[in-house]
Protein backbone atom coordinates (compact mmCIF):
# COMPACT_ATOMS: atom_id res chain seq x y z
CA MET A 1 -45.02 -60.29 10.72
CA VAL A 2 -42.84 -59.19 7.84
CA ASP A 3 -41.55 -61.60 5.19
CA THR A 4 -37.79 -61.03 5.04
CA GLN A 5 -36.88 -63.83 2.63
CA ASN A 6 -36.51 -61.53 -0.39
CA LEU A 7 -36.46 -58.18 1.40
CA LYS A 8 -34.19 -55.59 -0.18
CA LEU A 9 -35.51 -52.11 0.68
CA VAL A 10 -36.81 -50.49 3.86
CA ALA A 11 -38.30 -47.00 3.54
CA LEU A 12 -39.19 -44.65 6.39
CA GLY A 13 -41.69 -41.82 6.09
CA ASN A 14 -45.12 -40.32 6.74
CA PRO A 15 -48.09 -42.47 5.58
CA LEU A 16 -50.84 -40.21 4.26
CA LEU A 17 -54.09 -40.54 2.38
CA ASP A 18 -54.09 -38.06 -0.52
CA MET A 19 -57.33 -36.14 -1.14
CA GLN A 20 -56.95 -34.96 -4.70
CA ILE A 21 -58.96 -32.40 -6.68
CA ARG A 22 -58.55 -30.82 -10.11
CA ASP A 23 -58.99 -27.21 -11.28
CA GLY A 24 -58.28 -25.97 -7.76
CA GLN A 25 -57.04 -22.42 -8.39
CA ALA A 26 -59.76 -21.00 -6.14
CA VAL A 27 -58.62 -23.31 -3.32
CA LEU A 28 -55.02 -22.15 -3.70
CA GLU A 29 -56.17 -18.55 -3.39
CA LYS A 30 -58.53 -19.24 -0.48
CA TYR A 31 -55.84 -20.98 1.59
CA GLY A 32 -52.77 -19.00 0.50
CA LEU A 33 -51.12 -21.93 -1.28
CA LYS A 34 -48.68 -21.91 -4.19
CA ALA A 35 -48.83 -24.11 -7.28
CA ASN A 36 -46.20 -26.87 -7.35
CA ASP A 37 -45.33 -26.50 -3.65
CA ALA A 38 -45.64 -28.56 -0.47
CA VAL A 39 -46.45 -27.29 3.04
CA LEU A 40 -47.61 -28.47 6.43
CA ALA A 41 -51.11 -27.18 7.11
CA SER A 42 -51.22 -24.15 9.39
CA PRO A 43 -54.11 -23.79 11.85
CA GLU A 44 -55.77 -21.45 9.33
CA GLN A 45 -55.52 -24.09 6.60
CA LEU A 46 -56.92 -27.07 8.51
CA SER A 47 -60.42 -26.48 7.15
CA ILE A 48 -59.18 -27.20 3.61
CA TYR A 49 -59.98 -30.91 3.89
CA GLN A 50 -63.64 -30.39 4.74
CA HIS A 51 -63.86 -27.59 2.16
CA ILE A 52 -62.74 -29.72 -0.77
CA VAL A 53 -64.96 -32.64 0.31
CA GLU A 54 -67.97 -30.33 0.35
CA ASN A 55 -67.19 -28.44 -2.86
CA TYR A 56 -65.20 -30.71 -5.19
CA GLU A 57 -65.09 -34.22 -6.54
CA VAL A 58 -62.33 -35.76 -4.44
CA THR A 59 -60.17 -38.69 -5.57
CA TYR A 60 -58.65 -40.62 -2.67
CA VAL A 61 -55.18 -42.04 -3.34
CA ALA A 62 -52.77 -43.79 -0.99
CA GLY A 63 -49.90 -41.35 -0.56
CA GLY A 64 -47.02 -40.12 1.53
CA ALA A 65 -43.87 -39.45 -0.49
CA ALA A 66 -41.66 -42.23 0.88
CA GLN A 67 -44.52 -44.69 0.71
CA ASN A 68 -45.06 -43.76 -2.95
CA THR A 69 -41.35 -44.31 -3.59
CA ALA A 70 -41.37 -47.71 -1.91
CA ARG A 71 -44.38 -48.82 -3.97
CA ALA A 72 -42.67 -47.62 -7.15
CA ALA A 73 -39.53 -49.58 -6.26
CA GLN A 74 -41.61 -52.68 -5.57
CA TYR A 75 -43.25 -52.27 -8.98
CA VAL A 76 -39.82 -52.95 -10.50
CA LEU A 77 -38.36 -55.39 -7.95
CA PRO A 78 -39.14 -59.08 -7.35
CA GLU A 79 -42.01 -60.01 -5.05
CA GLY A 80 -41.43 -59.35 -1.36
CA SER A 81 -38.60 -56.85 -1.89
CA THR A 82 -39.90 -53.82 0.03
CA ALA A 83 -41.16 -52.80 3.46
CA TYR A 84 -42.32 -49.44 4.75
CA LEU A 85 -42.22 -47.97 8.26
CA GLY A 86 -44.47 -45.16 9.45
CA ALA A 87 -47.23 -44.36 11.94
CA VAL A 88 -50.99 -44.47 11.25
CA GLY A 89 -54.18 -44.28 13.27
CA ASN A 90 -56.50 -47.16 14.02
CA ASP A 91 -59.05 -46.10 11.40
CA ASP A 92 -60.44 -46.65 7.91
CA LEU A 93 -57.83 -44.39 6.32
CA ALA A 94 -55.10 -46.70 7.58
CA LYS A 95 -56.98 -49.68 6.17
CA GLN A 96 -57.07 -47.96 2.77
CA LEU A 97 -53.32 -47.35 2.90
CA ARG A 98 -52.58 -50.92 3.91
CA ALA A 99 -54.84 -52.27 1.16
CA ALA A 100 -53.09 -50.11 -1.46
CA ASN A 101 -49.71 -51.36 -0.30
CA ASP A 102 -50.95 -54.95 -0.33
CA ARG A 103 -52.07 -54.54 -3.95
CA GLU A 104 -48.60 -53.36 -4.94
CA GLY A 105 -46.74 -55.90 -2.81
CA LEU A 106 -45.32 -53.37 -0.33
CA GLN A 107 -45.21 -54.70 3.23
CA SER A 108 -46.71 -52.21 5.73
CA VAL A 109 -44.77 -52.20 9.01
CA TYR A 110 -46.95 -49.57 10.65
CA GLN A 111 -46.90 -48.27 14.18
CA ILE A 112 -50.55 -47.95 15.23
CA THR A 113 -51.55 -44.86 17.21
CA GLU A 114 -54.89 -45.30 18.94
CA THR A 115 -55.59 -41.66 19.79
CA THR A 116 -54.68 -39.82 16.55
CA PRO A 117 -56.21 -40.25 13.09
CA THR A 118 -54.17 -41.21 10.05
CA GLY A 119 -52.58 -38.26 8.29
CA SER A 120 -54.03 -36.76 5.12
CA CYS A 121 -52.83 -34.51 2.32
CA ALA A 122 -54.89 -32.14 0.18
CA VAL A 123 -53.54 -32.37 -3.38
CA ILE A 124 -54.66 -29.36 -5.40
CA ILE A 125 -54.15 -29.78 -9.16
CA THR A 126 -53.94 -26.70 -11.37
CA GLY A 127 -52.90 -27.39 -14.94
CA HIS A 128 -49.75 -29.51 -14.79
CA ASP A 129 -48.89 -28.38 -11.24
CA ARG A 130 -49.78 -29.89 -7.88
CA SER A 131 -49.83 -28.20 -4.48
CA LEU A 132 -49.66 -30.35 -1.34
CA CYS A 133 -51.11 -29.28 2.01
CA THR A 134 -50.49 -31.90 4.68
CA ASN A 135 -51.97 -32.64 8.09
CA LEU A 136 -49.54 -35.22 9.47
CA GLY A 137 -51.93 -36.61 12.08
CA ALA A 138 -50.69 -39.96 13.38
CA ALA A 139 -47.59 -39.82 11.16
CA GLU A 140 -45.83 -37.41 13.50
CA THR A 141 -46.41 -39.68 16.51
CA PHE A 142 -43.84 -42.18 15.21
CA ASN A 143 -41.69 -43.31 18.11
CA LYS A 144 -38.17 -44.73 17.89
CA ASP A 145 -39.31 -47.64 20.05
CA HIS A 146 -41.18 -48.95 17.01
CA LEU A 147 -37.80 -49.64 15.40
CA GLU A 148 -37.29 -52.28 18.10
CA SER A 149 -40.63 -54.00 17.46
CA THR A 150 -40.35 -57.55 16.17
CA ALA A 151 -41.50 -56.73 12.63
CA ALA A 152 -39.54 -53.49 12.24
CA LYS A 153 -36.34 -54.97 13.65
CA ALA A 154 -36.60 -57.97 11.33
CA ALA A 155 -37.10 -55.71 8.32
CA ILE A 156 -34.20 -53.41 9.23
CA ASP A 157 -31.85 -56.32 9.87
CA ALA A 158 -32.74 -57.96 6.54
CA ALA A 159 -32.73 -54.86 4.30
CA LYS A 160 -29.98 -54.23 1.79
CA PHE A 161 -30.93 -50.58 1.14
CA PHE A 162 -32.57 -47.81 3.22
CA TYR A 163 -34.58 -44.80 2.07
CA LEU A 164 -35.73 -41.75 4.06
CA GLY A 165 -38.25 -39.15 2.92
CA GLY A 166 -37.29 -35.66 4.04
CA PHE A 167 -40.78 -34.92 5.34
CA PHE A 168 -40.05 -37.35 8.20
CA LEU A 169 -37.48 -34.90 9.60
CA THR A 170 -40.20 -32.51 10.74
CA HIS A 171 -40.67 -34.79 13.75
CA GLY A 172 -38.57 -37.97 13.51
CA VAL A 173 -34.89 -37.07 13.27
CA GLU A 174 -33.99 -39.33 16.21
CA SER A 175 -35.50 -42.37 14.48
CA ALA A 176 -34.00 -41.35 11.15
CA LEU A 177 -30.53 -41.21 12.67
CA ILE A 178 -30.91 -44.68 14.17
CA VAL A 179 -31.60 -46.07 10.69
CA ALA A 180 -28.89 -43.94 9.05
CA LYS A 181 -26.24 -45.04 11.56
CA LYS A 182 -27.36 -48.65 11.21
CA ALA A 183 -26.76 -48.34 7.46
CA LYS A 184 -23.27 -46.94 8.07
CA GLU A 185 -22.36 -49.63 10.61
CA THR A 186 -23.41 -52.43 8.27
CA GLY A 187 -22.10 -50.90 5.05
CA ARG A 188 -25.52 -50.69 3.41
CA PRO A 189 -26.62 -47.73 1.25
CA PHE A 190 -28.80 -45.02 2.79
CA ALA A 191 -30.72 -42.70 0.46
CA PHE A 192 -32.29 -39.37 1.44
CA ASN A 193 -34.83 -37.23 -0.42
CA LEU A 194 -35.02 -33.47 0.23
CA SER A 195 -38.79 -33.80 -0.46
CA ALA A 196 -39.88 -30.12 -0.34
CA PRO A 197 -38.31 -26.64 -0.24
CA PHE A 198 -39.45 -26.05 3.34
CA ILE A 199 -37.45 -29.03 4.63
CA PRO A 200 -33.95 -27.57 4.08
CA GLN A 201 -35.35 -24.09 4.72
CA PHE A 202 -36.97 -24.64 8.13
CA PHE A 203 -35.44 -27.95 9.23
CA LYS A 204 -31.84 -27.32 8.23
CA SER A 205 -30.36 -28.65 11.48
CA GLN A 206 -32.19 -31.95 11.02
CA VAL A 207 -31.07 -32.19 7.37
CA ASP A 208 -27.49 -31.44 8.45
CA GLN A 209 -27.63 -34.32 10.95
CA VAL A 210 -28.87 -36.90 8.43
CA LEU A 211 -27.13 -35.82 5.21
CA PRO A 212 -23.64 -37.03 6.25
CA TYR A 213 -24.89 -40.62 6.21
CA ALA A 214 -26.52 -40.42 2.77
CA GLN A 215 -24.86 -42.27 -0.09
CA LEU A 216 -27.60 -41.04 -2.43
CA VAL A 217 -29.46 -37.70 -2.25
CA ILE A 218 -32.42 -36.89 -4.50
CA GLY A 219 -34.27 -33.60 -4.93
CA ASN A 220 -35.79 -31.29 -7.50
CA GLU A 221 -34.69 -27.82 -8.60
CA SER A 222 -36.69 -25.85 -6.02
CA GLU A 223 -35.53 -28.10 -3.17
CA ALA A 224 -31.92 -27.75 -4.30
CA GLU A 225 -32.21 -23.96 -4.46
CA SER A 226 -33.75 -23.94 -0.97
CA TRP A 227 -30.84 -26.04 0.35
CA ALA A 228 -28.38 -23.62 -1.24
CA GLN A 229 -30.04 -20.56 0.29
CA ALA A 230 -30.21 -22.20 3.73
CA SER A 231 -26.53 -23.12 3.42
CA GLY A 232 -25.43 -19.60 2.46
CA LEU A 233 -24.52 -20.38 -1.14
CA GLU A 234 -24.89 -17.38 -3.42
CA THR A 235 -25.78 -19.32 -6.54
CA ARG A 236 -28.84 -20.68 -8.27
CA ASP A 237 -26.81 -22.79 -10.67
CA LEU A 238 -28.15 -26.31 -10.15
CA HIS A 239 -24.88 -27.92 -11.22
CA GLU A 240 -22.97 -25.98 -8.57
CA ILE A 241 -25.60 -26.75 -5.94
CA ALA A 242 -25.65 -30.46 -6.75
CA GLN A 243 -21.85 -30.59 -6.41
CA ALA A 244 -22.00 -28.67 -3.12
CA ILE A 245 -24.48 -31.17 -1.70
CA ALA A 246 -22.30 -34.04 -2.91
CA ASP A 247 -19.22 -32.49 -1.30
CA SER A 248 -20.91 -31.64 2.02
CA PRO A 249 -19.59 -33.37 5.18
CA SER A 250 -19.77 -37.15 5.07
CA GLU A 251 -19.63 -39.94 7.67
CA ILE A 252 -19.37 -42.73 5.09
CA SER A 253 -16.49 -44.06 3.01
CA VAL A 254 -18.42 -44.32 -0.27
CA PRO A 255 -18.63 -41.20 -2.49
CA ARG A 256 -22.04 -39.54 -2.31
CA THR A 257 -24.16 -39.23 -5.46
CA VAL A 258 -26.68 -36.39 -5.82
CA LEU A 259 -29.51 -36.38 -8.36
CA ILE A 260 -31.42 -33.15 -9.06
CA THR A 261 -34.47 -33.42 -11.29
CA HIS A 262 -35.84 -30.40 -13.14
CA GLY A 263 -39.22 -31.25 -14.61
CA ALA A 264 -38.86 -31.86 -18.33
CA GLU A 265 -35.25 -30.62 -18.24
CA SER A 266 -32.28 -32.95 -17.85
CA THR A 267 -31.55 -34.57 -14.49
CA ILE A 268 -28.25 -33.43 -12.99
CA ARG A 269 -25.89 -35.91 -11.33
CA ALA A 270 -23.00 -34.90 -9.09
CA VAL A 271 -20.54 -37.21 -7.35
CA GLN A 272 -18.54 -36.34 -4.27
CA GLY A 273 -15.01 -35.31 -5.17
CA GLU A 274 -15.57 -34.97 -8.90
CA LYS A 275 -14.99 -31.67 -10.65
CA GLN A 276 -17.67 -31.99 -13.31
CA THR A 277 -21.35 -32.85 -13.06
CA HIS A 278 -23.27 -35.07 -15.48
CA THR A 279 -26.59 -34.52 -17.25
CA HIS A 280 -29.19 -37.16 -18.12
CA PRO A 281 -31.88 -36.05 -20.61
CA THR A 282 -35.43 -36.58 -19.43
CA PRO A 283 -37.65 -38.25 -22.04
CA LYS A 284 -40.28 -35.79 -23.23
CA VAL A 285 -43.94 -36.49 -22.46
CA PRO A 286 -46.39 -34.67 -24.78
CA ALA A 287 -48.44 -32.10 -22.91
CA GLU A 288 -51.70 -33.73 -23.96
CA GLN A 289 -50.60 -36.97 -22.24
CA ILE A 290 -49.91 -35.32 -18.87
CA VAL A 291 -52.77 -36.11 -16.51
CA ASP A 292 -51.37 -35.56 -13.03
CA THR A 293 -47.84 -34.71 -11.80
CA ASN A 294 -48.53 -35.77 -8.20
CA GLY A 295 -45.98 -38.41 -7.18
CA ALA A 296 -43.80 -38.16 -10.30
CA GLY A 297 -40.70 -37.35 -8.25
CA ASP A 298 -41.48 -40.22 -5.89
CA ALA A 299 -41.79 -42.60 -8.83
CA PHE A 300 -38.46 -41.37 -10.19
CA ALA A 301 -36.78 -42.01 -6.83
CA GLY A 302 -38.32 -45.48 -6.61
CA GLY A 303 -37.11 -46.35 -10.08
CA VAL A 304 -33.56 -45.20 -9.36
CA ILE A 305 -33.37 -47.13 -6.10
CA ALA A 306 -34.83 -50.27 -7.67
CA GLY A 307 -32.29 -50.04 -10.47
CA LEU A 308 -29.42 -49.77 -8.00
CA ILE A 309 -30.75 -52.71 -5.98
CA LEU A 310 -30.84 -54.72 -9.22
CA GLU A 311 -27.16 -53.79 -9.64
CA LYS A 312 -27.76 -51.60 -12.68
CA SER A 313 -25.32 -48.78 -13.40
CA ILE A 314 -26.30 -45.34 -12.13
CA GLU A 315 -27.02 -44.31 -15.73
CA GLU A 316 -29.38 -47.28 -16.18
CA ALA A 317 -31.00 -46.62 -12.79
CA ILE A 318 -31.70 -43.00 -13.74
CA ASP A 319 -33.24 -44.19 -17.01
CA ILE A 320 -35.59 -46.48 -15.03
CA GLY A 321 -36.48 -43.56 -12.76
CA HIS A 322 -37.26 -41.37 -15.76
CA ARG A 323 -39.51 -44.03 -17.25
CA LEU A 324 -41.44 -44.51 -14.00
CA GLY A 325 -41.85 -40.74 -13.59
CA GLY A 326 -43.14 -40.51 -17.17
CA MET A 327 -45.64 -43.29 -16.52
CA CYS A 328 -46.81 -41.65 -13.30
CA ILE A 329 -47.75 -38.31 -14.87
CA GLY A 330 -49.91 -40.07 -17.45
CA GLN A 331 -52.47 -41.21 -14.86
CA VAL A 332 -54.27 -40.05 -11.72
CA GLY A 333 -52.21 -40.24 -8.57
CA PRO A 334 -48.90 -41.95 -7.79
CA VAL A 335 -49.99 -45.35 -9.12
CA LEU A 336 -48.22 -47.43 -11.77
CA LYS A 337 -50.34 -49.69 -13.96
CA PHE A 338 -48.15 -50.62 -16.89
CA PRO A 339 -46.25 -53.84 -17.66
CA LYS A 340 -42.81 -53.98 -16.08
CA GLU A 341 -41.38 -54.77 -19.50
CA ASN A 342 -41.92 -51.10 -20.31
CA VAL A 343 -39.53 -50.11 -17.51
CA LEU A 344 -36.50 -52.40 -17.45
């Protein structure tokens, strides 16, 4: 069962176990991957997981973008504030994910798939870049019926804020729309993350179905440019793209806010109906302190959402997101280990 007494946030996404290696340029070349990108593994790339286990020192980290974001939000929020929905196998990988969530206080409301193993993601680190190659496994077996399970229904009914990772749209748009429409009907915020350039590029129709319900949209510069190209915009100006996303069709009465991160550059904020965008400087992290950029965007999103749940202003929420992202890149994997006093 899920504890709903203090529940504030429900996140929906693909639970994955990250398999992380460093100095992986040869792996990128072998499997046709790009630095600082994210893809679903093609049949030709499925051997990457065995390859890195056999040839590299692998660090195993509980992952999945939306799950990372939910854990980051829980890091900031009071105990019992977050729950996460996704599908896993009945295996040791799922136990590792659940244990990681338990340590951070995130409640795992998993659908268990008996016949398919838990999903995994090869995380190839080269310098300050990370390339993600994902085998969704059980994650893509998520069924909308799970939303009517006792635990999931209780969490959804109790939540004050909803978050969807864009990766989920590769298979779960029907479930995503149920949650998005529930948010609209009950007047609760629904946030959506573009997640990777291939999501708006190859799953544009799914993005177009969900985006109208989003009160908050988060993405980075490459994801924003991909959305613009898929939408026929002849611009690479991130301010123009952010405003276009903000002003895209809406099914909700609250103005949409769009946040576009850009690495060490300022975060751009656009609000539906406004004529001018806003910039929020990103605190600089010395290069020698950058250990691993995997999950930094997820940490940023979690910080922003936690700030909004705590009724901070959007400016304060972005500051919290920046601080969590800065913490994340100073350690291995999307894990936060610092006192909360450093964040709020």
